[in-house]
């Protein structure tokens, strides 16, 4: 089974009931729903509809933070040629064109200066400001094509909002009781941004994913990871705000640091961008996706490819094939051996014990060539902690929580999740062996490593590792 997860963004080309069902069948593990492209009631209604269509998948809601977007260019590529004159105006819900770009944020154009540069989308198109004001005039300094509602990257001094923004606070209030598992927070620059967003959302059953896409986010990476539940390498804005030649190295750094803390790490932006309109990806894109797997990424994300692309299902199927092939070349033994026992949370006694126990479980499974590692977990932490070792055998989770079961769809290598109310380790071992035999993963004589809480330690702490021989 494929270990690396696929996150697919829903949009105009993939938002029908039929398309969503087809994407699930093609191999999507997590659906991403952006709150930047619709009003709050429409976003909530869409979330509920997707949950009904994909009850077992994880749903990621992405709040835009201070990101500024352009009015829609439509679903067909529109060229912006070097030297062309462009007018920038404020507005909301209006269409943009090659001559007139609508900026969907009030008062921001007044903050521009002559000579400032605005990057559109992932930085392929750049405008230079010639005249600033409520109606600004610019010239295309770097050309290309645009479509959809791309982000506009303005000078960093303009985007100095604290998170969550007022607009995002309203979104979080509306999401207070809605059925989703992951909240992706844009433009995280410090631990404060994550803690503040978590406080406003006020839900223990939702993972907070910090999107690393600014210089400040990279500088404060460790403190951000420590207070987050998951991380995204948002390469689009990262490549606009930092030297583009640094992005591959920052990707490796962010992935490695996130995994050491037992955080799922998603690599995003332009993974298979040419498949927005082409039937096959470029060789460079295939290599990029494979390298994300070899870097240890927990998941890869498709954005415009599935949101506005011509064939979202084919794109996911192609991604699935690339991931499976790359996993055949992954050096599982070297990865785990080089990881060591690392901090996986806030450094509490419970997380220290879980780190030590999962390290012991990995070594036992490798030494005895176990056919599976079983993590009995309430919050999902134990399963994510063993996942950071990237073991070659399947990881199976047993949990009493349906929300945890869906959240684990974002974690590397969790190849089976079973619901059980059992708490005694002997009971859990019986459940594990039974389910693995039914799934065809275990036969008589096979070894299985099981991690769980003991009667003395309590169910909230994973303090026991047991080798079970299948009878």
Protein backbone atom coordinates (compact mmCIF):
# COMPACT_ATOMS: atom_id res chain seq x y z
CA UNK A 1 0.00 0.00 0.00
CA UNK A 2 1.07 3.57 -0.60
CA UNK A 3 2.57 5.21 2.48
CA UNK A 4 2.84 8.85 1.31
CA UNK A 5 -0.47 10.68 1.45
CA UNK A 6 -2.20 12.69 -1.26
CA UNK A 7 -3.92 15.99 -0.43
CA UNK A 8 -6.23 17.30 -3.16
CA UNK A 9 -7.66 20.82 -3.31
CA UNK A 10 -11.30 21.05 -4.32
CA UNK A 11 -12.37 23.75 -6.74
CA UNK A 12 -14.67 24.47 -9.68
CA UNK A 13 -13.49 21.44 -11.69
CA UNK A 14 -13.68 18.95 -8.82
CA UNK A 15 -16.51 20.13 -6.59
CA UNK A 16 -19.33 17.96 -7.92
CA UNK A 17 -20.55 14.89 -6.08
CA UNK A 18 -19.38 12.67 -8.93
CA UNK A 19 -15.90 14.22 -9.05
CA UNK A 20 -15.39 13.94 -5.30
CA UNK A 21 -16.35 10.26 -5.31
CA UNK A 22 -14.01 9.63 -8.26
CA UNK A 23 -11.14 11.40 -6.48
CA UNK A 24 -11.65 9.22 -3.40
CA UNK A 25 -11.51 6.12 -5.60
CA UNK A 26 -8.35 7.44 -7.31
CA UNK A 27 -6.49 7.62 -4.00
CA UNK A 28 -7.05 10.97 -2.27
CA UNK A 29 -6.46 10.81 1.49
CA UNK A 30 -7.19 14.42 2.47
CA UNK A 31 -9.42 17.01 0.83
CA UNK A 32 -8.33 20.64 1.16
CA UNK A 33 -11.06 23.27 1.19
CA UNK A 34 -9.89 26.87 0.90
CA UNK A 35 -11.96 29.52 2.67
CA UNK A 36 -10.43 32.24 0.49
CA UNK A 37 -12.69 31.81 -2.53
CA UNK A 38 -16.19 32.03 -1.08
CA UNK A 39 -18.19 33.66 1.67
CA UNK A 40 -18.47 31.93 5.04
CA UNK A 41 -21.97 30.38 4.64
CA UNK A 42 -21.02 28.92 1.26
CA UNK A 43 -17.76 27.56 2.68
CA UNK A 44 -19.54 25.89 5.59
CA UNK A 45 -22.21 24.37 3.33
CA UNK A 46 -19.51 22.99 1.06
CA UNK A 47 -17.66 21.49 4.04
CA UNK A 48 -20.77 19.66 5.20
CA UNK A 49 -21.45 18.34 1.70
CA UNK A 50 -17.89 17.01 1.29
CA UNK A 51 -18.02 15.37 4.71
CA UNK A 52 -21.17 13.50 3.70
CA UNK A 53 -19.51 12.34 0.46
CA UNK A 54 -16.18 11.37 2.06
CA UNK A 55 -16.94 10.27 5.63
CA UNK A 56 -13.65 8.41 6.14
CA UNK A 57 -11.22 10.98 4.73
CA UNK A 58 -9.59 13.87 6.56
CA UNK A 59 -10.86 17.34 5.66
CA UNK A 60 -8.42 20.24 5.75
CA UNK A 61 -9.84 23.74 5.97
CA UNK A 62 -7.35 26.39 4.81
CA UNK A 63 -7.79 29.93 6.15
CA UNK A 64 -5.98 32.59 4.09
CA UNK A 65 -4.56 34.80 6.83
CA UNK A 66 -3.36 38.14 5.42
CA UNK A 67 -3.02 36.70 1.91
CA UNK A 68 -4.42 39.00 -0.75
CA UNK A 69 -6.12 37.57 -3.82
CA UNK A 70 -7.02 38.88 -7.22
CA UNK A 71 -10.50 38.78 -8.65
CA UNK A 72 -11.05 35.71 -10.79
CA UNK A 73 -9.35 35.46 -14.19
CA UNK A 74 -11.59 32.51 -15.05
CA UNK A 75 -10.65 28.92 -15.78
CA UNK A 76 -8.69 29.50 -19.00
CA UNK A 77 -5.10 30.84 -18.99
CA UNK A 78 -4.84 34.59 -19.64
CA UNK A 79 -1.46 35.89 -20.86
CA UNK A 80 0.24 38.86 -19.22
CA UNK A 81 3.02 39.93 -21.55
CA UNK A 82 6.19 41.78 -20.56
CA UNK A 83 5.79 45.53 -20.98
CA UNK A 84 1.99 45.47 -20.92
CA UNK A 85 0.21 48.14 -18.88
CA UNK A 86 -2.05 46.94 -16.06
CA UNK A 87 -4.49 48.81 -13.84
CA UNK A 88 -4.98 47.69 -10.22
CA UNK A 89 -8.29 48.50 -8.52
CA UNK A 90 -9.91 47.51 -5.25
CA UNK A 91 -13.02 45.36 -5.38
CA UNK A 92 -14.63 42.08 -4.36
CA UNK A 93 -16.38 39.49 -6.48
CA UNK A 94 -15.39 41.23 -9.72
CA UNK A 95 -13.56 39.57 -12.58
CA UNK A 96 -9.96 40.43 -13.48
CA UNK A 97 -8.53 40.73 -16.98
CA UNK A 98 -5.15 41.22 -18.63
CA UNK A 99 -5.68 45.00 -18.48
CA UNK A 100 -7.46 45.39 -15.14
CA UNK A 101 -6.71 43.35 -12.00
CA UNK A 102 -9.10 43.49 -9.06
CA UNK A 103 -7.40 43.45 -5.63
CA UNK A 104 -9.72 41.88 -3.05
CA UNK A 105 -8.60 43.78 0.00
CA UNK A 106 -9.59 47.34 0.91
CA UNK A 107 -7.05 50.12 1.48
CA UNK A 108 -4.04 48.03 0.50
CA UNK A 109 -3.27 49.85 -2.75
CA UNK A 110 -2.70 53.08 -0.81
CA UNK A 111 0.23 51.39 0.95
CA UNK A 112 2.17 50.72 -2.25
CA UNK A 113 5.07 52.83 -3.50
CA UNK A 114 6.40 53.49 -6.95
CA UNK A 115 8.95 50.76 -7.77
CA UNK A 116 7.31 48.10 -5.56
CA UNK A 117 6.90 44.66 -7.09
CA UNK A 118 3.78 42.51 -6.90
CA UNK A 119 4.10 38.80 -7.64
CA UNK A 120 1.03 36.98 -8.95
CA UNK A 121 0.35 33.37 -8.01
CA UNK A 122 3.56 31.51 -7.34
CA UNK A 123 5.78 34.30 -8.62
CA UNK A 124 5.85 33.51 -12.32
CA UNK A 125 4.29 36.86 -13.17
CA UNK A 126 5.61 40.11 -11.65
CA UNK A 127 4.22 43.63 -11.84
CA UNK A 128 6.19 46.83 -11.15
CA UNK A 129 4.23 49.74 -9.69
CA UNK A 130 4.43 52.93 -11.78
CA UNK A 131 1.74 54.91 -9.99
CA UNK A 132 0.38 54.14 -6.51
CA UNK A 133 -3.02 55.03 -5.13
CA UNK A 134 -6.64 53.78 -4.93
CA UNK A 135 -6.23 53.02 -8.62
CA UNK A 136 -2.63 51.95 -9.19
CA UNK A 137 -0.89 51.55 -12.50
CA UNK A 138 1.77 48.94 -13.18
CA UNK A 139 3.77 47.33 -15.94
CA UNK A 140 4.36 43.61 -16.40
CA UNK A 141 8.03 43.07 -15.49
CA UNK A 142 7.97 39.25 -15.80
CA UNK A 143 5.33 37.69 -18.00
CA UNK A 144 3.34 34.50 -18.02
CA UNK A 145 -0.23 33.23 -17.79
CA UNK A 146 -2.70 33.53 -14.93
CA UNK A 147 -6.03 31.88 -14.15
CA UNK A 148 -8.40 31.36 -11.27
CA UNK A 149 -8.05 33.63 -8.23
CA UNK A 150 -4.28 33.78 -7.69
CA UNK A 151 -2.66 35.25 -4.62
CA UNK A 152 -0.92 38.60 -4.82
CA UNK A 153 2.41 38.80 -2.98
CA UNK A 154 2.97 42.37 -1.86
CA UNK A 155 5.98 43.78 0.03
CA UNK A 156 6.33 42.15 3.46
CA UNK A 157 5.84 45.45 5.31
CA UNK A 158 2.22 45.51 4.12
CA UNK A 159 1.41 42.02 5.43
CA UNK A 160 2.16 42.57 9.11
CA UNK A 161 -1.20 41.44 10.50
CA UNK A 162 -1.33 39.37 13.66
CA UNK A 163 -2.92 35.97 13.28
CA UNK A 164 -5.70 35.20 13.11
CA UNK A 165 -6.87 38.22 11.12
CA UNK A 166 -10.29 39.68 11.80
CA UNK A 167 -11.63 37.93 8.70
CA UNK A 168 -10.19 34.60 9.84
CA UNK A 169 -11.64 35.06 13.33
CA UNK A 170 -15.09 35.21 11.76
CA UNK A 171 -14.30 32.05 9.79
CA UNK A 172 -13.09 30.24 12.92
CA UNK A 173 -16.24 31.19 14.82
CA UNK A 174 -18.34 29.73 12.02
CA UNK A 175 -16.24 26.53 12.04
CA UNK A 176 -16.59 25.99 15.79
CA UNK A 177 -18.92 23.00 15.47
CA UNK A 178 -18.24 21.85 11.92
CA UNK A 179 -16.95 18.37 10.94
CA UNK A 180 -13.31 18.75 9.87
CA UNK A 181 -9.98 17.44 11.13
CA UNK A 182 -7.19 19.84 10.09
CA UNK A 183 -6.96 23.65 10.09
CA UNK A 184 -4.23 25.01 7.81
CA UNK A 185 -3.05 28.46 8.93
CA UNK A 186 -1.42 30.68 6.31
CA UNK A 187 1.62 32.92 6.81
CA UNK A 188 2.58 31.62 10.24
CA UNK A 189 5.57 33.63 11.43
CA UNK A 190 5.88 32.67 15.10
CA UNK A 191 4.62 30.30 17.78
CA UNK A 192 2.29 33.09 18.91
CA UNK A 193 0.40 32.89 15.62
CA UNK A 194 -0.33 29.18 16.16
CA UNK A 195 -1.22 29.52 19.84
CA UNK A 196 -3.50 32.48 19.13
CA UNK A 197 -5.30 30.66 16.32
CA UNK A 198 -5.73 27.56 18.48
CA UNK A 199 -7.17 29.69 21.26
CA UNK A 200 -9.76 31.28 18.97
CA UNK A 201 -10.80 27.94 17.44
CA UNK A 202 -10.95 26.35 20.91
CA UNK A 203 -11.18 22.74 19.69
CA UNK A 204 -9.01 19.85 20.86
CA UNK A 205 -10.22 17.57 18.07
CA UNK A 206 -8.74 19.66 15.22
CA UNK A 207 -5.07 19.55 14.22
CA UNK A 208 -3.44 22.93 13.61
CA UNK A 209 -1.19 22.87 10.52
CA UNK A 210 1.27 25.76 10.25
CA UNK A 211 2.09 26.80 6.68
CA UNK A 212 5.74 27.82 6.43
CA UNK A 213 5.93 30.43 3.66
CA UNK A 214 7.82 33.44 5.04
CA UNK A 215 11.37 34.25 6.13
CA UNK A 216 10.10 34.71 9.69
CA UNK A 217 8.47 31.28 9.60
CA UNK A 218 11.76 29.68 8.58
CA UNK A 219 13.69 31.62 11.21
CA UNK A 220 11.28 30.54 13.96
CA UNK A 221 10.77 27.02 12.60
CA UNK A 222 11.51 25.04 15.77
CA UNK A 223 9.26 27.11 18.01
CA UNK A 224 6.45 26.91 15.43
CA UNK A 225 6.76 23.13 15.07
CA UNK A 226 6.75 22.68 18.85
CA UNK A 227 3.26 24.22 19.18
CA UNK A 228 1.77 22.90 15.91
CA UNK A 229 0.23 19.53 15.11
CA UNK A 230 1.35 19.45 11.45
CA UNK A 231 3.44 21.51 9.02
CA UNK A 232 3.11 22.52 5.37
CA UNK A 233 6.03 23.51 3.14
CA UNK A 234 4.15 26.16 1.15
CA UNK A 235 6.68 26.54 -1.64
CA UNK A 236 4.73 29.14 -3.63
CA UNK A 237 5.03 32.11 -1.29
CA UNK A 238 8.25 30.69 0.15
CA UNK A 239 9.86 30.98 -3.28
CA UNK A 240 8.57 34.51 -3.72
CA UNK A 241 9.68 35.82 -0.34
CA UNK A 242 13.05 34.05 -0.19
CA UNK A 243 15.67 33.37 -2.88
CA UNK A 244 14.20 30.73 -5.14
CA UNK A 245 17.46 28.75 -5.11
CA UNK A 246 16.99 28.26 -1.35
CA UNK A 247 13.60 26.55 -1.65
CA UNK A 248 14.82 22.94 -2.25
CA UNK A 249 17.13 23.15 0.74
CA UNK A 250 14.49 24.74 2.95
CA UNK A 251 12.09 21.97 1.94
CA UNK A 252 14.50 19.31 3.16
CA UNK A 253 15.14 21.24 6.39
CA UNK A 254 11.45 21.76 7.17
CA UNK A 255 10.52 18.15 6.38
CA UNK A 256 13.30 16.76 8.55
CA UNK A 257 12.57 19.03 11.50
CA UNK A 258 8.83 18.38 11.35
CA UNK A 259 9.25 14.61 11.28
CA UNK A 260 11.67 14.66 14.21
CA UNK A 261 8.84 16.22 16.22
CA UNK A 262 6.40 13.53 14.94
CA UNK A 263 4.46 16.09 12.91
CA UNK A 264 2.97 15.21 9.53
CA UNK A 265 4.68 17.40 6.89
CA UNK A 266 2.94 18.27 3.62
CA UNK A 267 4.93 19.48 0.60
CA UNK A 268 2.81 21.78 -1.55
CA UNK A 269 2.77 23.95 -4.69
CA UNK A 270 3.43 23.11 -8.33
CA UNK A 271 3.86 19.38 -7.74
CA UNK A 272 2.23 18.44 -11.06
CA UNK A 273 1.29 21.91 -12.30
CA UNK A 274 1.62 21.10 -16.01
CA UNK A 275 -1.22 18.59 -15.57
CA UNK A 276 -3.59 21.49 -14.99
CA UNK A 277 -4.00 21.27 -18.76
CA UNK A 278 -1.64 18.53 -20.00
CA UNK A 279 -2.31 14.79 -19.93
CA UNK A 280 1.15 13.92 -18.58
CA UNK A 281 3.50 15.74 -16.19
CA UNK A 282 6.94 17.02 -17.08
CA UNK A 283 9.97 14.92 -16.22
CA UNK A 284 11.06 17.64 -13.80
CA UNK A 285 7.72 17.42 -11.95
CA UNK A 286 7.95 13.65 -11.65
CA UNK A 287 11.46 14.03 -10.24
CA UNK A 288 10.24 16.71 -7.82
CA UNK A 289 7.47 14.48 -6.46
CA UNK A 290 9.83 11.50 -6.13
CA UNK A 291 12.38 13.66 -4.29
CA UNK A 292 9.68 14.80 -1.84
CA UNK A 293 9.12 11.11 -1.03
CA UNK A 294 12.85 10.50 -0.63
CA UNK A 295 13.04 13.58 1.63
CA UNK A 296 10.56 11.80 3.91
CA UNK A 297 7.49 13.98 3.29
CA UNK A 298 4.30 12.68 4.89
CA UNK A 299 2.10 13.98 2.09
CA UNK A 300 2.16 15.89 -1.18
CA UNK A 301 -0.52 18.38 -2.13
CA UNK A 302 -2.25 19.17 -5.40
CA UNK A 303 -3.64 22.70 -5.70
CA UNK A 304 -4.72 24.13 -9.04
CA UNK A 305 -4.15 20.72 -10.62
CA UNK A 306 -7.31 19.38 -8.99
CA UNK A 307 -9.14 22.65 -8.27
CA UNK A 308 -9.21 24.06 -11.80
CA UNK A 309 -7.41 21.43 -13.86
CA UNK A 310 -8.85 19.70 -16.91
CA UNK A 311 -8.68 16.18 -15.42
CA UNK A 312 -8.33 16.11 -11.61
CA UNK A 313 -8.88 12.33 -11.36
CA UNK A 314 -6.13 11.52 -13.86
CA UNK A 315 -3.79 13.86 -12.00
CA UNK A 316 -4.39 12.04 -8.71
CA UNK A 317 -3.91 8.66 -10.41
CA UNK A 318 -0.60 9.88 -11.87
CA UNK A 319 0.52 11.16 -8.47
CA UNK A 320 -0.36 7.79 -6.95
CA UNK A 321 1.86 5.94 -9.45
CA UNK A 322 4.82 8.30 -8.92
CA UNK A 323 4.60 7.95 -5.14
CA UNK A 324 4.42 4.16 -5.21
CA UNK A 325 7.47 3.94 -7.44
CA UNK A 326 9.45 6.38 -5.31
CA UNK A 327 8.63 4.44 -2.15
CA UNK A 328 10.27 1.37 -3.66
CA UNK A 329 13.58 3.26 -3.52
CA UNK A 330 13.16 4.74 -0.03
CA UNK A 331 15.95 3.75 2.38
CA UNK A 332 13.80 2.78 5.36
CA UNK A 333 16.54 1.29 7.54
CA UNK A 334 18.92 4.22 7.20
CA UNK A 335 16.19 6.77 7.85
CA UNK A 336 15.09 5.21 11.13
CA UNK A 337 18.63 4.55 12.33
CA UNK A 338 19.65 8.16 11.76
CA UNK A 339 16.62 9.63 13.49
CA UNK A 340 17.31 8.74 17.10
CA UNK A 341 14.90 9.39 19.97
CA UNK A 342 13.83 13.01 19.56
CA UNK A 343 11.45 15.33 21.34
CA UNK A 344 7.96 14.86 19.88
CA UNK A 345 5.95 17.45 21.74
CA UNK A 346 6.16 19.95 24.54
CA UNK A 347 8.65 17.81 26.45
CA UNK A 348 6.13 16.53 29.00
CA UNK A 349 6.63 13.22 30.77
CA UNK A 350 3.95 11.61 28.58
CA UNK A 351 5.59 12.68 25.31
CA UNK A 352 9.07 11.70 26.54
CA UNK A 353 7.80 8.23 27.44
CA UNK A 354 5.99 7.92 24.10
CA UNK A 355 9.18 8.94 22.27
CA UNK A 356 11.20 6.29 24.10
CA UNK A 357 8.59 3.54 23.68
CA UNK A 358 8.14 4.16 19.95
CA UNK A 359 11.91 4.13 19.51
CA UNK A 360 12.05 0.75 21.24
CA UNK A 361 9.13 -0.52 19.16
CA UNK A 362 10.88 0.45 15.91
CA UNK A 363 14.08 -1.34 16.92
CA UNK A 364 12.19 -4.47 17.99
CA UNK A 365 10.19 -4.53 14.76
CA UNK A 366 13.32 -4.16 12.65
CA UNK A 367 15.32 -6.76 14.61
CA UNK A 368 12.55 -9.38 14.47
CA UNK A 369 11.30 -8.51 10.98
CA UNK A 370 7.80 -7.91 12.31
CA UNK A 371 4.98 -7.88 9.76
CA UNK A 372 3.29 -4.87 11.36
CA UNK A 373 3.54 -2.29 14.15
CA UNK A 374 0.33 -1.59 16.04
CA UNK A 375 -0.21 1.73 17.83
CA UNK A 376 -3.08 1.91 20.30
CA UNK A 377 -3.84 5.62 20.53
CA UNK A 378 -6.52 8.08 21.56
CA UNK A 379 -5.11 11.30 20.13
CA UNK A 380 -3.05 9.78 17.32
CA UNK A 381 0.27 10.85 18.88
CA UNK A 382 1.58 7.30 19.35
CA UNK A 383 0.88 6.42 15.71
CA UNK A 384 2.51 9.64 14.48
CA UNK A 385 5.48 9.04 16.79
CA UNK A 386 6.22 5.60 15.34
CA UNK A 387 5.54 6.95 11.85
CA UNK A 388 8.51 9.32 12.16
CA UNK A 389 10.86 6.30 11.98
CA UNK A 390 9.45 5.45 8.52
CA UNK A 391 9.43 1.65 9.15
CA UNK A 392 9.19 -0.66 6.13
CA UNK A 393 6.33 -2.67 7.64
CA UNK A 394 2.73 -1.40 7.84
CA UNK A 395 1.69 0.77 10.79
CA UNK A 396 -1.77 -0.01 12.10
CA UNK A 397 -3.62 2.22 14.56
CA UNK A 398 -6.33 1.21 17.00
CA UNK A 399 -8.30 4.12 18.43
CA UNK A 400 -11.65 4.76 20.13
CA UNK A 401 -11.99 8.09 18.26
CA UNK A 402 -13.45 8.49 14.76
CA UNK A 403 -11.90 11.98 14.52
CA UNK A 404 -8.45 10.52 15.29
CA UNK A 405 -9.00 7.80 12.68
CA UNK A 406 -9.66 10.45 10.03
CA UNK A 407 -6.75 12.64 11.16
CA UNK A 408 -4.36 9.73 10.71
CA UNK A 409 -5.17 9.80 6.98
CA UNK A 410 -2.64 12.67 6.87
CA UNK A 411 0.18 10.66 8.48
CA UNK A 412 2.79 8.66 6.60
CA UNK A 413 2.47 4.88 6.58
CA UNK A 414 -0.69 4.44 8.68
CA UNK A 415 -2.10 1.66 6.52
CA UNK A 416 -5.05 0.65 8.64
CA UNK A 417 -7.10 2.28 11.39
CA UNK A 418 -9.52 0.27 13.50
CA UNK A 419 -12.01 1.53 16.06
CA UNK A 420 -12.12 -0.21 19.44
CA UNK A 421 -13.19 0.75 22.95
CA UNK A 422 -10.81 -1.80 24.50
CA UNK A 423 -8.29 -0.35 27.00
CA UNK A 424 -6.62 -3.43 28.49
CA UNK A 425 -3.41 -4.27 26.63
CA UNK A 426 -4.30 -7.98 26.45
CA UNK A 427 -7.62 -7.10 24.83
CA UNK A 428 -5.90 -4.70 22.45
CA UNK A 429 -3.42 -7.37 21.39
CA UNK A 430 -6.29 -9.72 20.56
CA UNK A 431 -8.02 -6.98 18.55
CA UNK A 432 -4.78 -6.20 16.71
CA UNK A 433 -4.00 -9.79 15.78
CA UNK A 434 -7.58 -10.46 14.68
CA UNK A 435 -7.76 -7.39 12.44
CA UNK A 436 -4.33 -8.03 10.90
CA UNK A 437 -5.25 -11.62 10.10
CA UNK A 438 -8.54 -10.51 8.50
CA UNK A 439 -6.64 -7.90 6.45
CA UNK A 440 -4.19 -10.54 5.27
CA UNK A 441 -1.22 -8.77 6.87
CA UNK A 442 -0.43 -11.50 9.41
CA UNK A 443 -0.20 -15.28 9.35
CA UNK A 444 0.57 -17.87 12.05
CA UNK A 445 4.17 -17.54 13.19
CA UNK A 446 4.47 -13.84 12.24
CA UNK A 447 5.65 -11.28 14.77
CA UNK A 448 3.65 -8.14 15.53
CA UNK A 449 4.82 -5.25 17.73
CA UNK A 450 2.05 -3.67 19.81
CA UNK A 451 2.29 -0.38 21.75
CA UNK A 452 -0.30 0.59 24.34
CA UNK A 453 -0.84 2.06 27.77
CA UNK A 454 -0.50 -0.18 30.81
CA UNK A 455 -2.87 -0.47 33.75
CA UNK A 456 -0.35 1.38 35.95
CA UNK A 457 0.56 4.02 33.41
CA UNK A 458 -2.97 4.85 32.36
CA UNK A 459 -4.56 4.98 28.92
CA UNK A 460 -3.24 8.51 28.25
CA UNK A 461 0.41 7.38 28.25
CA UNK A 462 1.88 4.80 25.88
CA UNK A 463 4.33 3.07 28.19
CA UNK A 464 4.30 -0.56 27.03
CA UNK A 465 5.66 -2.31 23.97
CA UNK A 466 4.91 -5.99 23.42
CA UNK A 467 6.03 -8.53 20.80
CA UNK A 468 3.10 -10.78 19.86
CA UNK A 469 3.50 -13.99 17.87
CA UNK A 470 0.49 -14.82 15.73
CA UNK A 471 -0.97 -18.24 16.60
